[in-house]
Amino acid sequence: MLDQQHFILWALLLGAYIPLLFYALFEFVRCRARWAGEVFLYASASAAYILTASGFAASLPSLTSWFSNASYVLWYPSGVAISLVVAIGAIGVRNWLGIKMRDRVANIVLLGIVYISAGGGLLVLAFEPIYQQCLALGKMHLATPVAWLTPLALSLGILGLVVTSVMSARAAVLGDAEAWQGFLCGLSCAPVHIALALQELFQISFASSFWMIAIVLNVVGMMILLRAAIHRAHVHTYFTKLLDSRIELDLITRLPIGVAMVKAMEHIYVTSLRFKRRPVTVMVKLSNTKEIVQQFGENGLNEVLLATVSRIRKITSPADLMGRYYGACFAVQISGKVSAHQLWDFGLRLAAATAKPVELKLVAQKESVLPIVGVGICWCNDIHNFTEALYEAERAANVAVDLHSRAAVTLFPNDEPKPLEAMFRTIKPA
């Protein structure tokens, strides 16, 4: 039984695990994220080991009575729990750092740790049942349980924790900067796990101050693990899936492009026609991209494109769809009904916002570039093909580049685009 002070310490540590477990489980169920599954398995194994090895579970009467009355449940000992922690941790380090493809020695060592830990846990599980009321698998093979298997599993667990941390440090020294996060996680979580194993092996009594420091380090280690997992998912896994998927997204502006953009916008366009609304298709086109590339390079052009996307987003509503039509040309499909006055105000504000100078941050000196932008609007209910509406909007954008307001509108198929500022009094309501 635990005294009150140690009971509070372990309750605080396990309480810190609960939000992490729920968050990882939620992310895994919601989006099937691999990193969330790995974090959930490792944190669950670690919490199970702490729960059993510290005696915290035995101090809870409800858990003790439930396990003693349920003869079909196998209450596994600490030797099995630490084997799970080491095996899951070694597999995670091996996969996370990509050791299989780069470091043959570390790959062999980590695989050996996984097999040895799993073997020790299975031996304990099969040949050394803790409670006679539980399902005694050992009776199927041996007349009496083997008492030395749990100390062996605990010793192998300590060795596995140390070796796994050393392999993370090896990968970091060889040039993998992300491996330092794995090493710090193992270094922070090891004191609690190793101290619990030594306490059970040699009946060592550690001071409460040591447990407090070890608990704080363990919580910090789990936070490092969570941060590293999310970082890997966003930087590596996310872009790998993006490149391998069939969803067409522009890698610079993160906007739909190609067929994906057309399919999404065509749905809104057809819906507007069905409800007898005059659909609005807008094209924003930069015409001086060659000059920007010659003067500031591709990075400068990318900055201008991102700034243009940001300015368009501030003018449009969240329901409006936006995509990269091609190169330096962006398309916007307005969702909902638009009046003549709203269209006039929207087009002029969009042209004024996108034609402002853009300050570049990736150049040596503070420079600014003035994009030459044309805003073309197709506002016609006689066009029943969205591709044709895009063509008419692009044609209006080409004309708008030479206008004072930088905005033009097309009202009829194959009609010449008109300056938007002169159309407010002549546009008939839809």
Protein backbone atom coordinates (compact mmCIF):
# COMPACT_ATOMS: atom_id res chain seq x y z
CA MET A 1 0.00 0.00 0.00
CA LEU A 2 1.15 3.54 -0.74
CA ASP A 3 1.35 6.28 1.84
CA GLN A 4 -0.63 9.44 1.23
CA GLN A 5 2.31 11.44 -0.08
CA HIS A 6 3.32 8.91 -2.71
CA PHE A 7 -0.31 8.34 -3.62
CA ILE A 8 -0.66 12.05 -4.40
CA LEU A 9 2.55 12.01 -6.47
CA TRP A 10 1.46 9.11 -8.65
CA ALA A 11 -2.03 10.56 -8.97
CA LEU A 12 -0.53 13.80 -10.29
CA LEU A 13 1.62 11.93 -12.80
CA LEU A 14 -1.21 9.76 -14.09
CA GLY A 15 -3.46 12.82 -14.18
CA ALA A 16 -0.99 14.45 -16.55
CA TYR A 17 -1.23 11.41 -18.82
CA ILE A 18 -5.03 11.57 -19.12
CA PRO A 19 -5.27 14.74 -21.29
CA LEU A 20 -2.47 13.45 -23.50
CA LEU A 21 -4.17 10.08 -23.96
CA PHE A 22 -7.54 11.65 -24.75
CA TYR A 23 -6.00 14.11 -27.22
CA ALA A 24 -4.04 11.41 -29.04
CA LEU A 25 -7.06 9.10 -29.15
CA PHE A 26 -9.30 11.90 -30.42
CA GLU A 27 -6.87 12.77 -33.21
CA PHE A 28 -6.49 9.13 -34.19
CA VAL A 29 -10.24 8.53 -34.35
CA ARG A 30 -10.94 11.84 -36.09
CA CYS A 31 -8.32 11.79 -38.85
CA ARG A 32 -6.54 8.41 -38.53
CA ALA A 33 -3.25 10.17 -37.85
CA ARG A 34 -0.40 7.72 -37.48
CA TRP A 35 1.48 9.94 -35.04
CA ALA A 36 -1.56 10.02 -32.75
CA GLY A 37 -1.75 6.22 -32.71
CA GLU A 38 1.95 5.92 -31.87
CA VAL A 39 1.75 8.48 -29.06
CA PHE A 40 -1.39 6.84 -27.66
CA LEU A 41 0.20 3.37 -27.60
CA TYR A 42 3.42 4.57 -25.96
CA ALA A 43 1.63 6.74 -23.38
CA SER A 44 -0.83 3.93 -22.58
CA ALA A 45 1.97 1.42 -22.06
CA SER A 46 3.88 3.90 -19.90
CA ALA A 47 0.81 4.69 -17.81
CA ALA A 48 0.06 0.96 -17.37
CA TYR A 49 3.60 0.33 -16.18
CA ILE A 50 3.47 3.21 -13.68
CA LEU A 51 0.02 2.07 -12.52
CA THR A 52 1.19 -1.45 -11.75
CA ALA A 53 4.83 -1.01 -10.69
CA SER A 54 4.14 1.84 -8.26
CA GLY A 55 1.37 -0.04 -6.46
CA PHE A 56 -1.08 2.71 -7.35
CA ALA A 57 -3.63 0.24 -8.74
CA ALA A 58 -3.45 -1.94 -5.62
CA SER A 59 -4.19 1.14 -3.50
CA LEU A 60 -7.54 1.65 -5.17
CA PRO A 61 -10.10 -0.69 -3.53
CA SER A 62 -12.47 -0.58 -6.48
CA LEU A 63 -9.81 -1.74 -8.95
CA THR A 64 -8.47 -4.37 -6.53
CA SER A 65 -11.88 -5.90 -5.89
CA TRP A 66 -12.79 -5.82 -9.57
CA PHE A 67 -9.65 -7.64 -10.67
CA SER A 68 -9.88 -10.20 -7.85
CA ASN A 69 -13.51 -11.01 -8.69
CA ALA A 70 -13.02 -11.22 -12.46
CA SER A 71 -11.44 -14.63 -12.98
CA TYR A 72 -11.27 -14.18 -16.76
CA VAL A 73 -9.00 -11.15 -16.60
CA LEU A 74 -5.23 -11.52 -16.52
CA TRP A 75 -3.76 -8.77 -14.33
CA TYR A 76 -0.32 -8.58 -15.92
CA PRO A 77 2.72 -7.82 -13.77
CA SER A 78 5.17 -4.95 -14.13
CA GLY A 79 7.54 -7.12 -16.20
CA VAL A 80 5.01 -7.24 -19.01
CA ALA A 81 4.28 -3.51 -18.77
CA ILE A 82 7.91 -2.38 -19.02
CA SER A 83 8.43 -4.78 -21.94
CA LEU A 84 5.59 -3.06 -23.78
CA VAL A 85 7.04 0.38 -23.04
CA VAL A 86 10.47 -0.58 -24.39
CA ALA A 87 9.18 -2.43 -27.45
CA ILE A 88 6.80 0.37 -28.52
CA GLY A 89 9.46 3.01 -27.84
CA ALA A 90 12.12 1.20 -29.87
CA ILE A 91 9.75 0.67 -32.80
CA GLY A 92 8.74 4.34 -32.67
CA VAL A 93 12.35 5.55 -32.67
CA ARG A 94 13.25 3.22 -35.54
CA ASN A 95 10.34 4.36 -37.70
CA TRP A 96 10.48 8.01 -36.72
CA LEU A 97 14.16 8.51 -37.49
CA GLY A 98 14.12 6.35 -40.62
CA ILE A 99 16.96 4.27 -39.21
CA LYS A 100 16.04 1.27 -41.38
CA MET A 101 17.29 3.01 -44.51
CA ARG A 102 20.29 4.90 -43.09
CA ASP A 103 21.98 3.21 -40.12
CA ARG A 104 22.35 -0.55 -40.32
CA VAL A 105 23.94 -0.89 -36.86
CA ALA A 106 21.21 1.10 -35.12
CA ASN A 107 18.56 -0.78 -37.06
CA ILE A 108 19.87 -4.17 -35.91
CA VAL A 109 20.26 -2.99 -32.31
CA LEU A 110 16.74 -1.56 -32.11
CA LEU A 111 15.21 -4.66 -33.70
CA GLY A 112 17.09 -6.77 -31.17
CA ILE A 113 15.72 -4.64 -28.33
CA VAL A 114 12.18 -5.06 -29.66
CA TYR A 115 12.46 -8.86 -29.94
CA ILE A 116 14.21 -9.27 -26.59
CA SER A 117 11.71 -7.06 -24.74
CA ALA A 118 8.72 -8.69 -26.39
CA GLY A 119 10.11 -12.14 -25.63
CA GLY A 120 10.70 -11.29 -21.97
CA GLY A 121 7.19 -9.90 -21.62
CA LEU A 122 5.64 -12.98 -23.23
CA LEU A 123 7.59 -15.30 -20.92
CA VAL A 124 6.37 -13.42 -17.87
CA LEU A 125 2.84 -13.41 -19.20
CA ALA A 126 2.84 -17.13 -19.86
CA PHE A 127 4.82 -18.59 -16.97
CA GLU A 128 4.38 -16.21 -14.04
CA PRO A 129 0.75 -15.30 -13.28
CA ILE A 130 0.39 -12.96 -10.31
CA TYR A 131 -2.95 -13.97 -8.86
CA GLN A 132 -4.20 -17.53 -8.63
CA GLN A 133 -7.77 -16.29 -9.14
CA CYS A 134 -6.83 -14.98 -12.57
CA LEU A 135 -6.35 -17.00 -15.72
CA ALA A 136 -3.11 -18.85 -14.90
CA LEU A 137 -1.58 -19.46 -18.30
CA GLY A 138 1.49 -20.89 -16.61
CA LYS A 139 -0.43 -23.98 -15.51
CA MET A 140 -0.81 -24.92 -19.13
CA HIS A 141 2.96 -25.45 -19.38
CA LEU A 142 4.59 -25.62 -15.95
CA ALA A 143 3.36 -26.90 -12.60
CA THR A 144 4.79 -23.89 -10.73
CA PRO A 145 5.42 -20.34 -11.97
CA VAL A 146 8.96 -19.23 -12.74
CA ALA A 147 9.75 -16.55 -10.15
CA TRP A 148 12.87 -15.17 -11.82
CA LEU A 149 11.19 -14.11 -15.08
CA THR A 150 9.88 -10.79 -13.77
CA PRO A 151 13.34 -9.65 -12.54
CA LEU A 152 14.73 -10.69 -15.91
CA ALA A 153 12.08 -8.69 -17.77
CA LEU A 154 12.71 -5.65 -15.57
CA SER A 155 16.46 -5.87 -16.16
CA LEU A 156 15.92 -6.19 -19.92
CA GLY A 157 13.56 -3.20 -19.75
CA ILE A 158 16.21 -1.02 -18.10
CA LEU A 159 18.73 -2.11 -20.71
CA GLY A 160 16.28 -1.44 -23.53
CA LEU A 161 15.46 2.07 -22.29
CA VAL A 162 19.14 2.97 -22.09
CA VAL A 163 20.04 1.46 -25.47
CA THR A 164 17.10 3.14 -27.24
CA SER A 165 18.15 6.53 -25.88
CA VAL A 166 21.75 5.86 -26.95
CA MET A 167 20.60 5.01 -30.49
CA SER A 168 18.65 8.28 -30.65
CA ALA A 169 21.79 10.13 -29.56
CA ARG A 170 23.79 8.24 -32.19
CA ALA A 171 21.42 9.35 -34.93
CA ALA A 172 21.60 12.93 -33.66
CA VAL A 173 25.40 12.94 -33.63
CA LEU A 174 25.44 11.57 -37.19
CA GLY A 175 23.53 14.62 -38.37
CA ASP A 176 19.80 14.06 -37.73
CA ALA A 177 18.73 17.19 -35.82
CA GLU A 178 15.26 15.78 -35.08
CA ALA A 179 16.82 12.84 -33.25
CA TRP A 180 17.69 15.16 -30.38
CA GLN A 181 13.99 15.36 -29.58
CA GLY A 182 13.80 11.58 -29.30
CA PHE A 183 16.90 11.54 -27.13
CA LEU A 184 15.51 14.24 -24.82
CA CYS A 185 12.19 12.40 -24.57
CA GLY A 186 13.93 9.14 -23.60
CA LEU A 187 16.22 10.96 -21.17
CA SER A 188 13.26 12.68 -19.48
CA CYS A 189 11.02 9.62 -19.24
CA ALA A 190 13.74 7.14 -18.21
CA PRO A 191 14.13 8.16 -14.51
CA VAL A 192 10.58 7.18 -13.53
CA HIS A 193 10.64 3.88 -15.43
CA ILE A 194 14.13 2.86 -14.30
CA ALA A 195 13.51 3.91 -10.67
CA LEU A 196 10.34 1.82 -10.50
CA ALA A 197 12.22 -1.18 -11.91
CA LEU A 198 15.11 -0.77 -9.44
CA GLN A 199 12.65 -0.36 -6.60
CA GLU A 200 11.04 -3.68 -7.42
CA LEU A 201 14.32 -5.46 -8.12
CA PHE A 202 16.32 -4.38 -5.08
CA GLN A 203 13.60 -3.02 -2.76
CA ILE A 204 15.18 0.45 -2.92
CA SER A 205 13.23 3.27 -1.30
CA PHE A 206 13.64 6.59 -3.10
CA ALA A 207 12.89 9.92 -1.45
CA SER A 208 9.77 11.89 -2.27
CA SER A 209 11.87 14.74 -3.65
CA PHE A 210 13.40 12.35 -6.20
CA TRP A 211 9.96 11.16 -7.28
CA MET A 212 8.77 14.74 -7.66
CA ILE A 213 11.71 15.63 -9.94
CA ALA A 214 11.30 12.39 -11.90
CA ILE A 215 7.57 13.01 -12.35
CA VAL A 216 8.14 16.53 -13.65
CA LEU A 217 10.79 15.25 -16.07
CA ASN A 218 8.44 12.50 -17.26
CA VAL A 219 5.67 14.99 -18.01
CA VAL A 220 8.16 17.21 -19.88
CA GLY A 221 9.33 14.18 -21.84
CA MET A 222 5.78 13.33 -22.91
CA MET A 223 5.25 16.93 -24.04
CA ILE A 224 8.46 16.73 -26.10
CA LEU A 225 7.19 13.49 -27.64
CA LEU A 226 3.85 15.08 -28.51
CA ARG A 227 5.48 18.14 -30.05
CA ALA A 228 7.92 16.03 -32.07
CA ALA A 229 5.10 13.80 -33.34
CA ILE A 230 2.97 16.75 -34.45
CA HIS A 231 5.98 18.41 -36.10
CA ARG A 232 6.82 15.26 -38.02
CA ALA A 233 3.20 14.86 -39.11
CA HIS A 234 2.97 18.44 -40.40
CA VAL A 235 6.38 18.71 -42.02
CA HIS A 236 6.97 15.22 -43.38
CA THR A 237 3.90 12.99 -43.37
CA TYR A 238 1.50 15.73 -44.44
CA PHE A 239 3.48 16.79 -47.50
CA THR A 240 4.21 13.17 -48.44
CA LYS A 241 0.50 12.39 -48.45
CA LEU A 242 -0.16 15.60 -50.32
CA LEU A 243 2.25 14.69 -53.10
CA ASP A 244 0.94 11.13 -53.29
CA SER A 245 -2.75 12.04 -53.19
CA ARG A 246 -4.94 12.85 -56.14
CA ILE A 247 -6.22 16.07 -54.59
CA GLU A 248 -4.82 18.90 -56.71
CA LEU A 249 -3.57 21.67 -54.43
CA ASP A 250 -1.06 24.35 -55.25
CA LEU A 251 1.99 23.81 -53.03
CA ILE A 252 2.74 27.53 -52.72
CA THR A 253 -0.66 29.15 -52.13
CA ARG A 254 -2.44 26.00 -50.78
CA LEU A 255 -5.35 26.69 -53.16
CA PRO A 256 -7.22 24.19 -55.36
CA ILE A 257 -5.83 24.03 -58.86
CA GLY A 258 -6.75 22.35 -62.12
CA VAL A 259 -9.63 19.86 -62.14
CA ALA A 260 -10.14 20.13 -58.36
CA MET A 261 -10.76 23.87 -58.63
CA VAL A 262 -13.10 23.54 -61.60
CA LYS A 263 -15.22 20.81 -59.96
CA ALA A 264 -15.65 22.76 -56.74
CA MET A 265 -16.51 26.06 -58.44
CA GLU A 266 -18.76 24.50 -61.05
CA HIS A 267 -21.05 23.20 -58.31
CA ILE A 268 -21.65 26.76 -57.02
CA TYR A 269 -22.00 28.09 -60.56
CA VAL A 270 -24.69 25.54 -61.48
CA THR A 271 -26.49 26.14 -58.19
CA SER A 272 -26.68 29.87 -58.92
CA LEU A 273 -28.23 29.19 -62.34
CA ARG A 274 -30.72 26.76 -60.81
CA PHE A 275 -31.96 29.43 -58.39
CA LYS A 276 -32.24 32.01 -61.18
CA ARG A 277 -29.29 34.02 -59.87
CA ARG A 278 -26.71 35.65 -62.09
CA PRO A 279 -23.46 33.84 -61.16
CA VAL A 280 -20.32 35.87 -60.54
CA THR A 281 -16.95 34.52 -61.66
CA VAL A 282 -13.95 36.70 -60.87
CA MET A 283 -10.42 36.49 -62.27
CA VAL A 284 -7.42 38.28 -60.71
CA LYS A 285 -4.40 38.27 -62.99
CA LEU A 286 -0.86 39.59 -62.49
CA SER A 287 0.68 40.73 -65.77
CA ASN A 288 4.23 41.71 -64.71
CA THR A 289 5.42 38.36 -63.40
CA LYS A 290 8.40 38.19 -65.78
CA GLU A 291 9.75 41.53 -64.52
CA ILE A 292 9.32 40.40 -60.90
CA VAL A 293 11.20 37.15 -61.55
CA GLN A 294 14.03 38.96 -63.38
CA GLN A 295 14.46 41.47 -60.56
CA PHE A 296 13.72 39.42 -57.42
CA GLY A 297 13.73 35.78 -58.53
CA GLU A 298 11.17 33.06 -57.92
CA ASN A 299 11.09 33.75 -54.18
CA GLY A 300 10.08 37.33 -54.82
CA LEU A 301 7.29 36.22 -57.15
CA ASN A 302 6.06 33.72 -54.55
CA GLU A 303 5.87 36.48 -51.96
CA VAL A 304 3.83 38.63 -54.33
CA LEU A 305 1.48 35.72 -55.06
CA LEU A 306 0.96 34.98 -51.37
CA ALA A 307 0.32 38.64 -50.63
CA THR A 308 -2.21 38.78 -53.47
CA VAL A 309 -3.99 35.69 -52.14
CA SER A 310 -4.16 37.25 -48.68
CA ARG A 311 -5.62 40.49 -50.05
CA ILE A 312 -8.23 38.63 -52.09
CA ARG A 313 -9.24 36.65 -49.02
CA LYS A 314 -9.83 39.85 -47.05
CA ILE A 315 -12.26 41.14 -49.67
CA THR A 316 -14.15 37.91 -50.37
CA SER A 317 -16.43 36.12 -47.93
CA PRO A 318 -15.55 32.76 -46.33
CA ALA A 319 -18.22 31.04 -48.46
CA ASP A 320 -16.63 32.14 -51.73
CA LEU A 321 -14.35 29.59 -53.38
CA MET A 322 -10.89 30.60 -54.52
CA GLY A 323 -8.37 28.72 -56.64
CA ARG A 324 -5.20 29.17 -58.63
CA TYR A 325 -6.27 29.08 -62.26
CA TYR A 326 -2.72 29.01 -63.61
CA GLY A 327 0.60 30.77 -62.94
CA ALA A 328 -0.20 34.24 -61.62
CA CYS A 329 -3.94 34.04 -62.26
CA PHE A 330 -6.48 33.42 -59.49
CA ALA A 331 -10.17 32.58 -59.84
CA VAL A 332 -12.94 33.33 -57.36
CA GLN A 333 -16.47 31.98 -57.55
CA ILE A 334 -18.89 34.11 -55.55
CA SER A 335 -21.40 32.12 -53.52
CA GLY A 336 -24.82 33.72 -53.21
CA LYS A 337 -26.76 36.48 -54.89
CA VAL A 338 -24.99 39.75 -55.78
CA SER A 339 -26.65 43.01 -56.76
CA ALA A 340 -25.28 45.55 -59.21
CA HIS A 341 -24.20 47.91 -56.45
CA GLN A 342 -22.53 45.09 -54.51
CA LEU A 343 -20.69 43.93 -57.61
CA TRP A 344 -19.47 47.45 -58.35
CA ASP A 345 -18.24 47.95 -54.79
CA PHE A 346 -16.66 44.49 -54.60
CA GLY A 347 -14.79 44.77 -57.90
CA LEU A 348 -13.33 48.20 -57.21
CA ARG A 349 -12.25 47.29 -53.66
CA LEU A 350 -10.65 44.07 -54.93
CA ALA A 351 -8.74 45.92 -57.65
CA ALA A 352 -7.55 48.60 -55.23
CA ALA A 353 -6.44 46.05 -52.61
CA THR A 354 -4.48 43.81 -54.99
CA ALA A 355 -2.74 46.69 -56.81
CA LYS A 356 -0.93 47.97 -53.68
CA PRO A 357 2.86 47.58 -53.36
CA VAL A 358 4.17 44.40 -51.72
CA GLU A 359 7.12 44.58 -49.37
CA LEU A 360 9.49 41.67 -49.93
CA LYS A 361 11.10 39.96 -46.92
CA LEU A 362 13.35 37.39 -48.58
CA VAL A 363 15.70 39.84 -50.24
CA ALA A 364 18.86 41.30 -48.71
CA GLN A 365 17.57 44.87 -48.60
CA LYS A 366 14.10 46.12 -47.91
CA GLU A 367 12.44 46.21 -51.32
CA SER A 368 8.90 46.64 -52.52
CA VAL A 369 7.31 45.68 -55.81
CA LEU A 370 4.17 47.05 -57.42
CA PRO A 371 2.10 44.26 -59.01
CA ILE A 372 0.20 45.14 -62.17
CA VAL A 373 -3.14 43.47 -61.56
CA GLY A 374 -6.27 43.17 -63.63
CA VAL A 375 -9.62 42.13 -62.13
CA GLY A 376 -12.04 40.57 -64.60
CA ILE A 377 -15.66 39.78 -63.73
CA CYS A 378 -18.06 37.58 -65.65
CA TRP A 379 -21.64 38.41 -64.56
CA CYS A 380 -23.89 36.68 -67.06
CA ASN A 381 -26.71 34.18 -66.70
CA ASP A 382 -26.67 33.34 -70.40
CA ILE A 383 -23.49 31.29 -70.01
CA HIS A 384 -24.32 27.76 -68.85
CA ASN A 385 -20.77 26.41 -69.03
CA PHE A 386 -18.44 27.24 -66.14
CA THR A 387 -15.34 26.82 -68.33
CA GLU A 388 -16.72 29.46 -70.67
CA ALA A 389 -17.36 31.74 -67.69
CA LEU A 390 -13.71 31.38 -66.69
CA TYR A 391 -12.66 32.29 -70.20
CA GLU A 392 -14.85 35.40 -70.21
CA ALA A 393 -13.53 36.46 -66.78
CA GLU A 394 -9.95 36.02 -67.99
CA ARG A 395 -10.70 38.05 -71.09
CA ALA A 396 -12.07 40.82 -68.88
CA ALA A 397 -8.96 40.64 -66.67
CA ASN A 398 -6.70 41.14 -69.72
CA VAL A 399 -8.66 44.26 -70.62
CA ALA A 400 -8.67 45.51 -67.01
CA VAL A 401 -4.87 45.66 -66.87
CA ASP A 402 -4.90 48.76 -69.10
CA LEU A 403 -7.80 50.50 -67.31
CA HIS A 404 -7.46 53.16 -64.65
CA SER A 405 -9.53 51.22 -62.13
CA ARG A 406 -7.96 47.87 -63.08
CA ALA A 407 -11.44 46.26 -63.10
CA ALA A 408 -13.64 45.18 -66.01
CA VAL A 409 -16.91 43.26 -66.34
CA THR A 410 -18.52 41.08 -69.01
CA LEU A 411 -22.34 41.04 -69.10
CA PHE A 412 -23.04 39.05 -72.26
CA PRO A 413 -21.31 36.16 -74.05
CA ASN A 414 -18.63 37.27 -76.51
CA ASP A 415 -19.28 40.91 -75.62
CA GLU A 416 -16.46 43.37 -75.11
CA PRO A 417 -15.61 43.83 -71.41
CA LYS A 418 -16.60 47.20 -69.99
CA PRO A 419 -14.85 49.24 -67.27
CA LEU A 420 -16.50 48.42 -63.97
CA GLU A 421 -16.56 52.00 -62.69
CA ALA A 422 -18.74 53.08 -65.64
CA MET A 423 -21.20 50.23 -65.37
CA PHE A 424 -23.01 50.99 -62.11
CA ARG A 425 -25.74 53.10 -63.75
CA THR A 426 -26.19 50.81 -66.76
CA ILE A 427 -26.16 47.33 -65.19
CA LYS A 428 -29.66 45.99 -64.94
CA PRO A 429 -30.62 44.15 -61.73
CA ALA A 430 -30.42 40.37 -61.94
